């Protein structure tokens, strides 16, 4: 794709998200979602490969009915109440359908099956955009609707944590593993959303901070399968030593950064007396922690590069680590001591 064309679509992607983030009216928010969808599809299909074309087609077929449902429910609510404001949803059925449609757009359980397949057909940098930036606009609308139907959000959240952890157990492709990781983290955000929206936003920011360096490292080394993880030790030994810490941080293991949101979420539920929900959420999170431990085990803890059965690739380009990658690696590993400060900012 021509760089100027790619820049144009990237600006449209940015504009669509910002329109939705700044909207309180259903029509403007829906328009931002549509601009966002139409801008990402050419970016997904820019690689002239059947898998990329298939991924773009699947993404369009998923997003189109979800957007149509959102518009239909918004028109229905306006017809019944005379209000176009997002925070004026007063009828149950349109609200539930909109929440389910937004969960569908973000790839949350039980409407998640398209996300791993689409992500598998993308290059890793486009997958990073799909796993992070593309979730901001729908999530902003859910933030404005979180007080309307909390039971739906809790059920979607618990199912996403369970399905995301369970689905990633037997995966060997890194893009599918990161897709299920995205499903799990969005589930944690939805579970706590109606009790502490600020904690949800903090969890979202930390998830983006932790998943950015993982996608960047895998993209730089073209690591598409877990069988290629040990080869990182021959290319970039320092990065190879940090990969297990990044993966364990995504899994929420202390004393790493990923432990902060899980700790604060379970603590908030316990303070509210929701011990059953806190227990179910914590036990469900063990599935995702297991497959992150498995990835860390494979990457560099016990596996020697010489025992790998895949072909080692030539590395002709010089090793270069961008400043953004260095910064996010440090933040993904060392933020736990700042938990009291982060917690005080949420109050």
C-alpha atoms as a PDB file:
ATOM      1  CA  UNK A   1       0.000   0.000   0.000  1.00  0.00           C
ATOM      2  CA  UNK A   2       1.190   3.495  -0.827  1.00  0.00           C
ATOM      3  CA  UNK A   3       2.477   5.283   2.321  1.00  0.00           C
ATOM      4  CA  UNK A   4       0.242   8.301   1.683  1.00  0.00           C
ATOM      5  CA  UNK A   5      -2.790   6.037   1.321  1.00  0.00           C
ATOM      6  CA  UNK A   6      -1.862   4.245   4.533  1.00  0.00           C
ATOM      7  CA  UNK A   7      -1.489   7.608   6.281  1.00  0.00           C
ATOM      8  CA  UNK A   8      -4.927   8.674   5.042  1.00  0.00           C
ATOM      9  CA  UNK A   9      -6.560   5.528   6.420  1.00  0.00           C
ATOM     10  CA  UNK A  10      -4.645   5.903   9.690  1.00  0.00           C
ATOM     11  CA  UNK A  11      -5.930   9.480  10.066  1.00  0.00           C
ATOM     12  CA  UNK A  12      -9.467   8.276   9.323  1.00  0.00           C
ATOM     13  CA  UNK A  13      -9.016   5.590  11.983  1.00  0.00           C
ATOM     14  CA  UNK A  14      -7.894   8.213  14.480  1.00  0.00           C
ATOM     15  CA  UNK A  15     -10.748  10.551  13.534  1.00  0.00           C
ATOM     16  CA  UNK A  16     -13.415   7.857  13.879  1.00  0.00           C
ATOM     17  CA  UNK A  17     -12.243   6.902  17.349  1.00  0.00           C
ATOM     18  CA  UNK A  18     -12.038  10.531  18.500  1.00  0.00           C
ATOM     19  CA  UNK A  19     -15.545  11.240  17.170  1.00  0.00           C
ATOM     20  CA  UNK A  20     -16.941   8.370  19.218  1.00  0.00           C
ATOM     21  CA  UNK A  21     -14.925   9.298  22.325  1.00  0.00           C
ATOM     22  CA  UNK A  22     -16.257  12.870  22.241  1.00  0.00           C
ATOM     23  CA  UNK A  23     -19.874  11.999  21.426  1.00  0.00           C
ATOM     24  CA  UNK A  24     -22.848  11.897  23.749  1.00  0.00           C
ATOM     25  CA  UNK A  25     -25.323  11.484  20.883  1.00  0.00           C
ATOM     26  CA  UNK A  26     -26.085   8.081  19.394  1.00  0.00           C
ATOM     27  CA  UNK A  27     -25.884   9.210  15.776  1.00  0.00           C
ATOM     28  CA  UNK A  28     -22.441  10.786  16.168  1.00  0.00           C
ATOM     29  CA  UNK A  29     -21.137   7.826  18.165  1.00  0.00           C
ATOM     30  CA  UNK A  30     -22.439   5.389  15.540  1.00  0.00           C
ATOM     31  CA  UNK A  31     -20.891   7.481  12.777  1.00  0.00           C
ATOM     32  CA  UNK A  32     -17.514   7.346  14.544  1.00  0.00           C
ATOM     33  CA  UNK A  33     -17.764   3.565  14.856  1.00  0.00           C
ATOM     34  CA  UNK A  34     -18.504   3.239  11.153  1.00  0.00           C
ATOM     35  CA  UNK A  35     -15.623   5.513  10.132  1.00  0.00           C
ATOM     36  CA  UNK A  36     -13.401   3.441  12.385  1.00  0.00           C
ATOM     37  CA  UNK A  37     -14.534   0.182  10.763  1.00  0.00           C
ATOM     38  CA  UNK A  38     -14.238   1.435   7.190  1.00  0.00           C
ATOM     39  CA  UNK A  39     -10.731   2.779   7.878  1.00  0.00           C
ATOM     40  CA  UNK A  40      -9.311  -0.409   9.413  1.00  0.00           C
ATOM     41  CA  UNK A  41     -10.551  -2.794   6.687  1.00  0.00           C
ATOM     42  CA  UNK A  42      -8.130  -1.535   3.955  1.00  0.00           C
ATOM     43  CA  UNK A  43      -5.311  -1.613   6.525  1.00  0.00           C
ATOM     44  CA  UNK A  44      -6.151  -5.246   7.320  1.00  0.00           C
ATOM     45  CA  UNK A  45      -6.262  -6.186   3.615  1.00  0.00           C
ATOM     46  CA  UNK A  46      -3.180  -4.228   2.547  1.00  0.00           C
ATOM     47  CA  UNK A  47      -1.072  -7.403   2.448  1.00  0.00           C
ATOM     48  CA  UNK A  48      -1.937  -9.129  -0.838  1.00  0.00           C
ATOM     49  CA  UNK A  49      -2.406 -12.511   0.744  1.00  0.00           C
ATOM     50  CA  UNK A  50      -5.488 -14.768   0.927  1.00  0.00           C
ATOM     51  CA  UNK A  51      -5.337 -14.846   4.739  1.00  0.00           C
ATOM     52  CA  UNK A  52      -5.379 -11.039   4.928  1.00  0.00           C
ATOM     53  CA  UNK A  53      -8.320 -10.849   2.506  1.00  0.00           C
ATOM     54  CA  UNK A  54     -10.162 -13.491   4.507  1.00  0.00           C
ATOM     55  CA  UNK A  55      -9.488 -11.611   7.755  1.00  0.00           C
ATOM     56  CA  UNK A  56     -10.801  -8.334   6.263  1.00  0.00           C
ATOM     57  CA  UNK A  57     -13.935 -10.074   4.977  1.00  0.00           C
ATOM     58  CA  UNK A  58     -14.630 -11.733   8.321  1.00  0.00           C
ATOM     59  CA  UNK A  59     -14.064  -8.466  10.150  1.00  0.00           C
ATOM     60  CA  UNK A  60     -16.520  -6.630   7.889  1.00  0.00           C
ATOM     61  CA  UNK A  61     -19.152  -9.379   8.207  1.00  0.00           C
ATOM     62  CA  UNK A  62     -18.883  -9.181  12.006  1.00  0.00           C
ATOM     63  CA  UNK A  63     -18.860  -5.402  12.350  1.00  0.00           C
ATOM     64  CA  UNK A  64     -21.701  -4.698   9.900  1.00  0.00           C
ATOM     65  CA  UNK A  65     -24.535  -6.526  11.762  1.00  0.00           C
ATOM     66  CA  UNK A  66     -23.241  -5.263  15.110  1.00  0.00           C
ATOM     67  CA  UNK A  67     -23.335  -1.640  13.863  1.00  0.00           C
ATOM     68  CA  UNK A  68     -26.788  -2.176  12.324  1.00  0.00           C
ATOM     69  CA  UNK A  69     -28.097  -3.530  15.635  1.00  0.00           C
ATOM     70  CA  UNK A  70     -26.678  -0.548  17.523  1.00  0.00           C
ATOM     71  CA  UNK A  71     -28.334   1.919  15.127  1.00  0.00           C
ATOM     72  CA  UNK A  72     -31.648   0.042  15.215  1.00  0.00           C
ATOM     73  CA  UNK A  73     -31.691  -0.020  19.041  1.00  0.00           C
ATOM     74  CA  UNK A  74     -30.740   3.664  19.253  1.00  0.00           C
ATOM     75  CA  UNK A  75     -33.609   4.563  16.887  1.00  0.00           C
ATOM     76  CA  UNK A  76     -35.973   2.357  18.902  1.00  0.00           C
ATOM     77  CA  UNK A  77     -34.974   4.043  22.155  1.00  0.00           C
ATOM     78  CA  UNK A  78     -35.370   7.509  20.568  1.00  0.00           C
ATOM     79  CA  UNK A  79     -38.812   6.538  19.294  1.00  0.00           C
ATOM     80  CA  UNK A  80     -39.882   5.301  22.754  1.00  0.00           C
ATOM     81  CA  UNK A  81     -38.307   8.024  24.905  1.00  0.00           C
ATOM     82  CA  UNK A  82     -37.650  10.961  22.555  1.00  0.00           C
ATOM     83  CA  UNK A  83     -33.968  11.034  23.606  1.00  0.00           C
ATOM     84  CA  UNK A  84     -30.862  10.556  21.438  1.00  0.00           C
ATOM     85  CA  UNK A  85     -28.395  10.901  24.330  1.00  0.00           C
ATOM     86  CA  UNK A  86     -26.328   7.826  25.123  1.00  0.00           C
ATOM     87  CA  UNK A  87     -26.801   8.146  28.883  1.00  0.00           C
ATOM     88  CA  UNK A  88     -30.596   8.376  28.509  1.00  0.00           C
ATOM     89  CA  UNK A  89     -31.198   4.697  27.733  1.00  0.00           C
ATOM     90  CA  UNK A  90     -34.224   3.879  29.870  1.00  0.00           C
ATOM     91  CA  UNK A  91     -35.599   0.709  28.230  1.00  0.00           C
ATOM     92  CA  UNK A  92     -34.101  -2.694  28.967  1.00  0.00           C
ATOM     93  CA  UNK A  93     -34.283  -4.491  25.626  1.00  0.00           C
ATOM     94  CA  UNK A  94     -32.505  -1.868  23.454  1.00  0.00           C
ATOM     95  CA  UNK A  95     -29.876  -1.419  26.186  1.00  0.00           C
ATOM     96  CA  UNK A  96     -29.121  -5.140  26.446  1.00  0.00           C
ATOM     97  CA  UNK A  97     -28.948  -5.492  22.652  1.00  0.00           C
ATOM     98  CA  UNK A  98     -26.565  -2.540  22.380  1.00  0.00           C
ATOM     99  CA  UNK A  99     -24.303  -3.939  25.110  1.00  0.00           C
ATOM    100  CA  UNK A 100     -24.224  -7.328  23.367  1.00  0.00           C
ATOM    101  CA  UNK A 101     -23.502  -5.663  20.009  1.00  0.00           C
ATOM    102  CA  UNK A 102     -20.644  -3.653  21.496  1.00  0.00           C
ATOM    103  CA  UNK A 103     -19.264  -6.833  23.087  1.00  0.00           C
ATOM    104  CA  UNK A 104     -19.556  -8.452  19.643  1.00  0.00           C
ATOM    105  CA  UNK A 105     -17.550  -5.606  18.086  1.00  0.00           C
ATOM    106  CA  UNK A 106     -14.817  -6.017  20.710  1.00  0.00           C
ATOM    107  CA  UNK A 107     -14.719  -9.812  20.385  1.00  0.00           C
ATOM    108  CA  UNK A 108     -15.907 -10.707  23.881  1.00  0.00           C
ATOM    109  CA  UNK A 109     -17.368 -14.043  24.916  1.00  0.00           C
ATOM    110  CA  UNK A 110     -19.707 -15.616  23.968  1.00  0.00           C
ATOM    111  CA  UNK A 111     -19.402 -13.641  20.684  1.00  0.00           C
ATOM    112  CA  UNK A 112     -15.642 -14.026  20.475  1.00  0.00           C
ATOM    113  CA  UNK A 113     -15.030 -16.728  17.866  1.00  0.00           C
ATOM    114  CA  UNK A 114     -14.180 -14.272  15.069  1.00  0.00           C
ATOM    115  CA  UNK A 115     -11.347 -12.497  16.928  1.00  0.00           C
ATOM    116  CA  UNK A 116      -8.698 -15.291  17.018  1.00  0.00           C
ATOM    117  CA  UNK A 117      -9.343 -16.160  13.352  1.00  0.00           C
ATOM    118  CA  UNK A 118      -9.133 -12.541  12.202  1.00  0.00           C
ATOM    119  CA  UNK A 119      -6.014 -11.855  14.260  1.00  0.00           C
ATOM    120  CA  UNK A 120      -4.382 -14.995  12.873  1.00  0.00           C
ATOM    121  CA  UNK A 121      -4.667 -13.564   9.344  1.00  0.00           C
ATOM    122  CA  UNK A 122      -2.989 -10.235  10.207  1.00  0.00           C
ATOM    123  CA  UNK A 123       0.574  -9.124  10.614  1.00  0.00           C
ATOM    124  CA  UNK A 124       1.473  -8.463  14.234  1.00  0.00           C
ATOM    125  CA  UNK A 125       1.459  -4.649  14.065  1.00  0.00           C
ATOM    126  CA  UNK A 126      -2.045  -4.578  12.578  1.00  0.00           C
ATOM    127  CA  UNK A 127      -2.994  -7.120  15.230  1.00  0.00           C
ATOM    128  CA  UNK A 128      -1.734  -4.685  17.867  1.00  0.00           C
ATOM    129  CA  UNK A 129      -4.044  -1.984  16.494  1.00  0.00           C
ATOM    130  CA  UNK A 130      -6.970  -4.421  16.447  1.00  0.00           C
ATOM    131  CA  UNK A 131      -6.284  -5.572  20.024  1.00  0.00           C
ATOM    132  CA  UNK A 132      -5.887  -2.105  21.535  1.00  0.00           C
ATOM    133  CA  UNK A 133      -6.964   0.951  19.538  1.00  0.00           C
ATOM    134  CA  UNK A 134     -10.032  -0.657  17.964  1.00  0.00           C
ATOM    135  CA  UNK A 135     -11.472  -1.416  21.402  1.00  0.00           C
ATOM    136  CA  UNK A 136     -11.402   2.183  22.623  1.00  0.00           C
ATOM    137  CA  UNK A 137     -14.474   3.466  20.770  1.00  0.00           C
ATOM    138  CA  UNK A 138     -16.892   0.632  21.751  1.00  0.00           C
ATOM    139  CA  UNK A 139     -15.487   0.640  25.275  1.00  0.00           C
ATOM    140  CA  UNK A 140     -16.168   4.383  25.590  1.00  0.00           C
ATOM    141  CA  UNK A 141     -19.848   3.774  24.806  1.00  0.00           C
ATOM    142  CA  UNK A 142     -20.000   0.942  27.346  1.00  0.00           C
ATOM    143  CA  UNK A 143     -18.531   3.329  29.935  1.00  0.00           C
ATOM    144  CA  UNK A 144     -21.488   5.642  29.386  1.00  0.00           C
ATOM    145  CA  UNK A 145     -23.954   2.739  29.652  1.00  0.00           C
ATOM    146  CA  UNK A 146     -22.388   0.887  32.594  1.00  0.00           C
ATOM    147  CA  UNK A 147     -25.037   1.936  35.109  1.00  0.00           C
ATOM    148  CA  UNK A 148     -27.997   0.801  32.991  1.00  0.00           C
ATOM    149  CA  UNK A 149     -27.756  -2.995  33.077  1.00  0.00           C
ATOM    150  CA  UNK A 150     -24.974  -4.241  35.356  1.00  0.00           C
ATOM    151  CA  UNK A 151     -25.991  -7.924  35.295  1.00  0.00           C
ATOM    152  CA  UNK A 152     -25.339  -8.161  31.544  1.00  0.00           C
ATOM    153  CA  UNK A 153     -21.868  -6.665  31.981  1.00  0.00           C
ATOM    154  CA  UNK A 154     -20.999  -9.034  34.831  1.00  0.00           C
ATOM    155  CA  UNK A 155     -22.097 -12.091  32.837  1.00  0.00           C
ATOM    156  CA  UNK A 156     -20.165 -10.952  29.751  1.00  0.00           C
ATOM    157  CA  UNK A 157     -17.105 -10.280  31.892  1.00  0.00           C
ATOM    158  CA  UNK A 158     -17.087 -13.657  33.667  1.00  0.00           C
ATOM    159  CA  UNK A 159     -17.661 -15.552  30.417  1.00  0.00           C
ATOM    160  CA  UNK A 160     -14.841 -13.621  28.731  1.00  0.00           C
ATOM    161  CA  UNK A 161     -12.396 -14.429  31.551  1.00  0.00           C
ATOM    162  CA  UNK A 162     -13.316 -18.113  31.411  1.00  0.00           C
ATOM    163  CA  UNK A 163     -13.355 -18.446  27.621  1.00  0.00           C
ATOM    164  CA  UNK A 164     -10.194 -16.350  27.142  1.00  0.00           C
ATOM    165  CA  UNK A 165      -8.264 -18.510  29.603  1.00  0.00           C
ATOM    166  CA  UNK A 166      -9.688 -21.806  28.435  1.00  0.00           C
ATOM    167  CA  UNK A 167      -9.308 -21.052  24.727  1.00  0.00           C
ATOM    168  CA  UNK A 168      -5.639 -20.117  25.021  1.00  0.00           C
ATOM    169  CA  UNK A 169      -4.569 -23.327  26.729  1.00  0.00           C
ATOM    170  CA  UNK A 170      -3.879 -25.452  23.652  1.00  0.00           C
ATOM    171  CA  UNK A 171      -2.842 -22.738  21.175  1.00  0.00           C
ATOM    172  CA  UNK A 172       0.538 -22.791  19.455  1.00  0.00           C
ATOM    173  CA  UNK A 173       0.183 -19.627  17.349  1.00  0.00           C
ATOM    174  CA  UNK A 174       1.254 -16.462  19.151  1.00  0.00           C
ATOM    175  CA  UNK A 175      -1.399 -14.284  17.469  1.00  0.00           C
ATOM    176  CA  UNK A 176      -4.223 -16.540  18.645  1.00  0.00           C
ATOM    177  CA  UNK A 177      -2.752 -16.612  22.151  1.00  0.00           C
ATOM    178  CA  UNK A 178      -2.684 -12.804  22.224  1.00  0.00           C
ATOM    179  CA  UNK A 179      -6.272 -12.732  20.934  1.00  0.00           C
ATOM    180  CA  UNK A 180      -7.450 -14.889  23.832  1.00  0.00           C
ATOM    181  CA  UNK A 181      -5.373 -12.723  26.162  1.00  0.00           C
ATOM    182  CA  UNK A 182      -7.280  -9.695  24.882  1.00  0.00           C
ATOM    183  CA  UNK A 183     -10.599 -11.444  25.560  1.00  0.00           C
ATOM    184  CA  UNK A 184      -9.531 -12.246  29.130  1.00  0.00           C
ATOM    185  CA  UNK A 185      -8.398  -8.710  29.949  1.00  0.00           C
ATOM    186  CA  UNK A 186     -11.569  -7.167  28.548  1.00  0.00           C
ATOM    187  CA  UNK A 187     -13.501  -9.546  30.795  1.00  0.00           C
ATOM    188  CA  UNK A 188     -11.670  -8.233  33.870  1.00  0.00           C
ATOM    189  CA  UNK A 189     -12.550  -4.683  32.826  1.00  0.00           C
ATOM    190  CA  UNK A 190     -16.254  -5.421  32.378  1.00  0.00           C
ATOM    191  CA  UNK A 191     -16.569  -7.248  35.691  1.00  0.00           C
ATOM    192  CA  UNK A 192     -15.429  -4.222  37.702  1.00  0.00           C
ATOM    193  CA  UNK A 193     -16.895  -1.531  35.416  1.00  0.00           C
ATOM    194  CA  UNK A 194     -20.165  -0.892  37.262  1.00  0.00           C
ATOM    195  CA  UNK A 195     -18.406  -0.768  40.645  1.00  0.00           C
ATOM    196  CA  UNK A 196     -15.347   1.372  39.785  1.00  0.00           C
ATOM    197  CA  UNK A 197     -15.112   2.955  36.308  1.00  0.00           C
ATOM    198  CA  UNK A 198     -11.786   4.601  37.200  1.00  0.00           C
ATOM    199  CA  UNK A 199     -10.299   1.208  38.054  1.00  0.00           C
ATOM    200  CA  UNK A 200     -11.551  -0.069  34.700  1.00  0.00           C
ATOM    201  CA  UNK A 201      -9.772   2.752  32.861  1.00  0.00           C
ATOM    202  CA  UNK A 202      -6.584   2.049  34.809  1.00  0.00           C
ATOM    203  CA  UNK A 203      -6.824  -1.639  33.856  1.00  0.00           C
ATOM    204  CA  UNK A 204      -7.273  -0.677  30.187  1.00  0.00           C
ATOM    205  CA  UNK A 205      -4.221   1.600  30.236  1.00  0.00           C
ATOM    206  CA  UNK A 206      -2.061  -1.048  31.905  1.00  0.00           C
ATOM    207  CA  UNK A 207      -3.252  -3.704  29.445  1.00  0.00           C
ATOM    208  CA  UNK A 208      -2.236  -1.511  26.482  1.00  0.00           C
ATOM    209  CA  UNK A 209       1.104  -0.786  28.169  1.00  0.00           C
ATOM    210  CA  UNK A 210       1.809  -4.500  28.710  1.00  0.00           C
ATOM    211  CA  UNK A 211       0.604  -5.847  25.374  1.00  0.00           C
ATOM    212  CA  UNK A 212       2.443  -3.224  23.271  1.00  0.00           C
ATOM    213  CA  UNK A 213       5.986  -4.548  23.918  1.00  0.00           C
ATOM    214  CA  UNK A 214       4.895  -8.177  23.420  1.00  0.00           C
ATOM    215  CA  UNK A 215       3.474  -7.425  19.967  1.00  0.00           C
ATOM    216  CA  UNK A 216       6.514  -5.275  19.099  1.00  0.00           C
ATOM    217  CA  UNK A 217       9.053  -7.940  20.069  1.00  0.00           C
ATOM    218  CA  UNK A 218       7.196 -10.708  18.249  1.00  0.00           C
ATOM    219  CA  UNK A 219       6.834  -8.490  15.170  1.00  0.00           C
ATOM    220  CA  UNK A 220      10.514  -7.490  15.073  1.00  0.00           C
ATOM    221  CA  UNK A 221      11.579 -11.134  15.203  1.00  0.00           C
ATOM    222  CA  UNK A 222       8.713 -12.506  13.062  1.00  0.00           C
ATOM    223  CA  UNK A 223       7.765 -14.940  15.831  1.00  0.00           C
ATOM    224  CA  UNK A 224       4.412 -16.362  14.733  1.00  0.00           C
ATOM    225  CA  UNK A 225       4.607 -19.686  16.591  1.00  0.00           C
ATOM    226  CA  UNK A 226       5.664 -20.628  20.095  1.00  0.00           C
ATOM    227  CA  UNK A 227       8.218 -23.005  18.536  1.00  0.00           C
ATOM    228  CA  UNK A 228      10.191 -19.952  17.391  1.00  0.00           C
ATOM    229  CA  UNK A 229      10.354 -18.329  20.827  1.00  0.00           C
ATOM    230  CA  UNK A 230      13.671 -20.018  21.787  1.00  0.00           C
ATOM    231  CA  UNK A 231      15.310 -18.547  18.653  1.00  0.00           C
ATOM    232  CA  UNK A 232      14.965 -15.083  20.232  1.00  0.00           C
ATOM    233  CA  UNK A 233      17.944 -15.973  22.421  1.00  0.00           C
ATOM    234  CA  UNK A 234      20.198 -16.068  19.355  1.00  0.00           C
ATOM    235  CA  UNK A 235      18.843 -12.814  17.897  1.00  0.00           C
ATOM    236  CA  UNK A 236      18.323 -10.577  20.917  1.00  0.00           C
ATOM    237  CA  UNK A 237      19.539 -12.162  24.174  1.00  0.00           C
ATOM    238  CA  UNK A 238      18.433  -9.262  26.366  1.00  0.00           C
ATOM    239  CA  UNK A 239      14.929  -9.177  24.932  1.00  0.00           C
ATOM    240  CA  UNK A 240      14.773 -12.958  25.200  1.00  0.00           C
ATOM    241  CA  UNK A 241      15.505 -12.692  28.907  1.00  0.00           C
ATOM    242  CA  UNK A 242      12.716 -10.120  29.363  1.00  0.00           C
ATOM    243  CA  UNK A 243      10.037 -11.961  27.348  1.00  0.00           C
ATOM    244  CA  UNK A 244       9.122 -14.338  30.234  1.00  0.00           C
ATOM    245  CA  UNK A 245       8.689 -11.360  32.574  1.00  0.00           C
ATOM    246  CA  UNK A 246       6.422  -9.588  30.060  1.00  0.00           C
ATOM    247  CA  UNK A 247       4.303 -12.715  29.596  1.00  0.00           C
ATOM    248  CA  UNK A 248       4.030 -13.320  33.346  1.00  0.00           C
ATOM    249  CA  UNK A 249       3.082  -9.671  33.805  1.00  0.00           C
ATOM    250  CA  UNK A 250       0.238 -10.121  31.294  1.00  0.00           C
ATOM    251  CA  UNK A 251      -0.796 -13.175  33.299  1.00  0.00           C
ATOM    252  CA  UNK A 252      -0.973 -11.117  36.495  1.00  0.00           C
ATOM    253  CA  UNK A 253       1.803 -12.766  38.499  1.00  0.00           C
ATOM    254  CA  UNK A 254       3.330 -10.717  41.338  1.00  0.00           C
ATOM    255  CA  UNK A 255       5.599  -8.781  41.721  1.00  0.00           C
ATOM    256  CA  UNK A 256       5.040  -7.542  38.139  1.00  0.00           C
ATOM    257  CA  UNK A 257       2.855  -4.727  36.818  1.00  0.00           C
ATOM    258  CA  UNK A 258       0.038  -7.022  35.631  1.00  0.00           C
ATOM    259  CA  UNK A 259      -0.686  -7.971  39.234  1.00  0.00           C
ATOM    260  CA  UNK A 260      -1.846  -4.413  40.027  1.00  0.00           C
ATOM    261  CA  UNK A 261      -5.260  -4.400  38.250  1.00  0.00           C
ATOM    262  CA  UNK A 262      -6.169  -7.936  39.334  1.00  0.00           C
ATOM    263  CA  UNK A 263      -5.225  -7.187  42.921  1.00  0.00           C
ATOM    264  CA  UNK A 264      -7.201  -3.918  43.010  1.00  0.00           C
ATOM    265  CA  UNK A 265     -10.226  -5.464  41.267  1.00  0.00           C
ATOM    266  CA  UNK A 266     -10.448  -8.367  43.725  1.00  0.00           C
ATOM    267  CA  UNK A 267      -9.852  -5.958  46.616  1.00  0.00           C
ATOM    268  CA  UNK A 268     -12.651  -3.660  45.433  1.00  0.00           C
ATOM    269  CA  UNK A 269     -15.074  -6.589  45.126  1.00  0.00           C
ATOM    270  CA  UNK A 270     -14.151  -7.764  48.617  1.00  0.00           C
ATOM    271  CA  UNK A 271     -14.753  -4.290  50.064  1.00  0.00           C
ATOM    272  CA  UNK A 272     -18.204  -4.308  48.457  1.00  0.00           C
ATOM    273  CA  UNK A 273     -18.988  -7.717  49.969  1.00  0.00           C
ATOM    274  CA  UNK A 274     -19.013  -9.519  46.609  1.00  0.00           C
ATOM    275  CA  UNK A 275     -16.927 -12.447  47.844  1.00  0.00           C
ATOM    276  CA  UNK A 276     -18.538 -14.978  45.497  1.00  0.00           C
ATOM    277  CA  UNK A 277     -17.901 -12.839  42.417  1.00  0.00           C
ATOM    278  CA  UNK A 278     -14.331 -12.128  43.557  1.00  0.00           C
ATOM    279  CA  UNK A 279     -13.666 -15.859  44.046  1.00  0.00           C
ATOM    280  CA  UNK A 280     -15.094 -16.814  40.639  1.00  0.00           C
ATOM    281  CA  UNK A 281     -13.087 -14.067  38.930  1.00  0.00           C
ATOM    282  CA  UNK A 282      -9.827 -15.017  40.662  1.00  0.00           C
ATOM    283  CA  UNK A 283     -10.212 -18.737  39.929  1.00  0.00           C
ATOM    284  CA  UNK A 284     -11.144 -18.033  36.302  1.00  0.00           C
ATOM    285  CA  UNK A 285      -7.992 -15.971  35.893  1.00  0.00           C
ATOM    286  CA  UNK A 286      -5.854 -19.009  36.718  1.00  0.00           C
ATOM    287  CA  UNK A 287      -6.470 -20.444  33.220  1.00  0.00           C
ATOM    288  CA  UNK A 288      -4.791 -17.500  31.501  1.00  0.00           C
ATOM    289  CA  UNK A 289      -1.984 -17.500  34.064  1.00  0.00           C
ATOM    290  CA  UNK A 290      -1.309 -21.140  33.211  1.00  0.00           C
ATOM    291  CA  UNK A 291      -0.820 -20.589  29.488  1.00  0.00           C
ATOM    292  CA  UNK A 292       1.398 -17.564  30.177  1.00  0.00           C
ATOM    293  CA  UNK A 293       3.504 -19.761  32.460  1.00  0.00           C
ATOM    294  CA  UNK A 294       3.635 -22.295  29.627  1.00  0.00           C
ATOM    295  CA  UNK A 295       4.813 -19.647  27.160  1.00  0.00           C
ATOM    296  CA  UNK A 296       7.452 -18.418  29.596  1.00  0.00           C
ATOM    297  CA  UNK A 297       8.623 -21.990  30.101  1.00  0.00           C
ATOM    298  CA  UNK A 298       8.966 -22.504  26.355  1.00  0.00           C
ATOM    299  CA  UNK A 299      10.557 -19.138  25.581  1.00  0.00           C
ATOM    300  CA  UNK A 300      13.709 -19.116  27.668  1.00  0.00           C
ATOM    301  CA  UNK A 301      13.472 -20.671  31.124  1.00  0.00           C
ATOM    302  CA  UNK A 302      14.298 -24.286  30.282  1.00  0.00           C
ATOM    303  CA  UNK A 303      14.341 -24.606  26.471  1.00  0.00           C
ATOM    304  CA  UNK A 304      17.713 -24.296  24.773  1.00  0.00           C
ATOM    305  CA  UNK A 305      17.875 -22.772  21.277  1.00  0.00           C
ATOM    306  CA  UNK A 306      19.817 -25.830  20.097  1.00  0.00           C
ATOM    307  CA  UNK A 307      16.878 -28.112  20.864  1.00  0.00           C
ATOM    308  CA  UNK A 308      14.509 -26.182  18.633  1.00  0.00           C
ATOM    309  CA  UNK A 309      13.267 -28.037  15.544  1.00  0.00           C
ATOM    310  CA  UNK A 310      12.430 -25.011  13.388  1.00  0.00           C
ATOM    311  CA  UNK A 311      14.810 -23.391  10.919  1.00  0.00           C
ATOM    312  CA  UNK A 312      16.803 -20.466  12.242  1.00  0.00           C
ATOM    313  CA  UNK A 313      16.243 -17.404  10.072  1.00  0.00           C
ATOM    314  CA  UNK A 314      18.961 -15.053   8.836  1.00  0.00           C
ATOM    315  CA  UNK A 315      19.024 -11.708  10.583  1.00  0.00           C
ATOM    316  CA  UNK A 316      20.561  -9.199   8.207  1.00  0.00           C
ATOM    317  CA  UNK A 317      19.148  -6.030   9.771  1.00  0.00           C
ATOM    318  CA  UNK A 318      20.936  -4.522  12.788  1.00  0.00           C
ATOM    319  CA  UNK A 319      19.434  -4.902  16.232  1.00  0.00           C
ATOM    320  CA  UNK A 320      17.555  -1.719  17.089  1.00  0.00           C
ATOM    321  CA  UNK A 321      15.257  -1.274  20.055  1.00  0.00           C
ATOM    322  CA  UNK A 322      12.936   1.774  19.797  1.00  0.00           C
ATOM    323  CA  UNK A 323      12.589   4.063  22.803  1.00  0.00           C
ATOM    324  CA  UNK A 324       8.862   3.305  22.993  1.00  0.00           C
ATOM    325  CA  UNK A 325       9.626  -0.408  23.327  1.00  0.00           C
ATOM    326  CA  UNK A 326      12.215   0.186  26.057  1.00  0.00           C
ATOM    327  CA  UNK A 327       9.819   2.429  27.985  1.00  0.00           C
ATOM    328  CA  UNK A 328       6.862   0.062  27.843  1.00  0.00           C
ATOM    329  CA  UNK A 329       9.039  -2.926  28.826  1.00  0.00           C
ATOM    330  CA  UNK A 330      10.163  -1.083  31.958  1.00  0.00           C
ATOM    331  CA  UNK A 331       6.603   0.001  32.779  1.00  0.00           C
ATOM    332  CA  UNK A 332       5.273  -3.526  32.173  1.00  0.00           C
ATOM    333  CA  UNK A 333       7.620  -4.996  34.750  1.00  0.00           C
ATOM    334  CA  UNK A 334       8.325  -2.440  37.485  1.00  0.00           C
ATOM    335  CA  UNK A 335       5.126  -0.527  38.323  1.00  0.00           C
ATOM    336  CA  UNK A 336       3.985  -2.662  41.267  1.00  0.00           C
ATOM    337  CA  UNK A 337       5.768  -0.528  43.955  1.00  0.00           C
ATOM    338  CA  UNK A 338       3.741   2.465  42.711  1.00  0.00           C
ATOM    339  CA  UNK A 339       0.414   0.742  43.476  1.00  0.00           C
ATOM    340  CA  UNK A 340      -0.414   3.002  46.491  1.00  0.00           C
ATOM    341  CA  UNK A 341       0.115   6.078  44.308  1.00  0.00           C
ATOM    342  CA  UNK A 342      -1.974   4.638  41.489  1.00  0.00           C
ATOM    343  CA  UNK A 343      -4.701   3.635  43.959  1.00  0.00           C
ATOM    344  CA  UNK A 344      -4.785   7.117  45.498  1.00  0.00           C
ATOM    345  CA  UNK A 345      -5.211   8.660  42.044  1.00  0.00           C
ATOM    346  CA  UNK A 346      -8.339   6.543  41.518  1.00  0.00           C
ATOM    347  CA  UNK A 347     -10.049   7.844  44.650  1.00  0.00           C
END
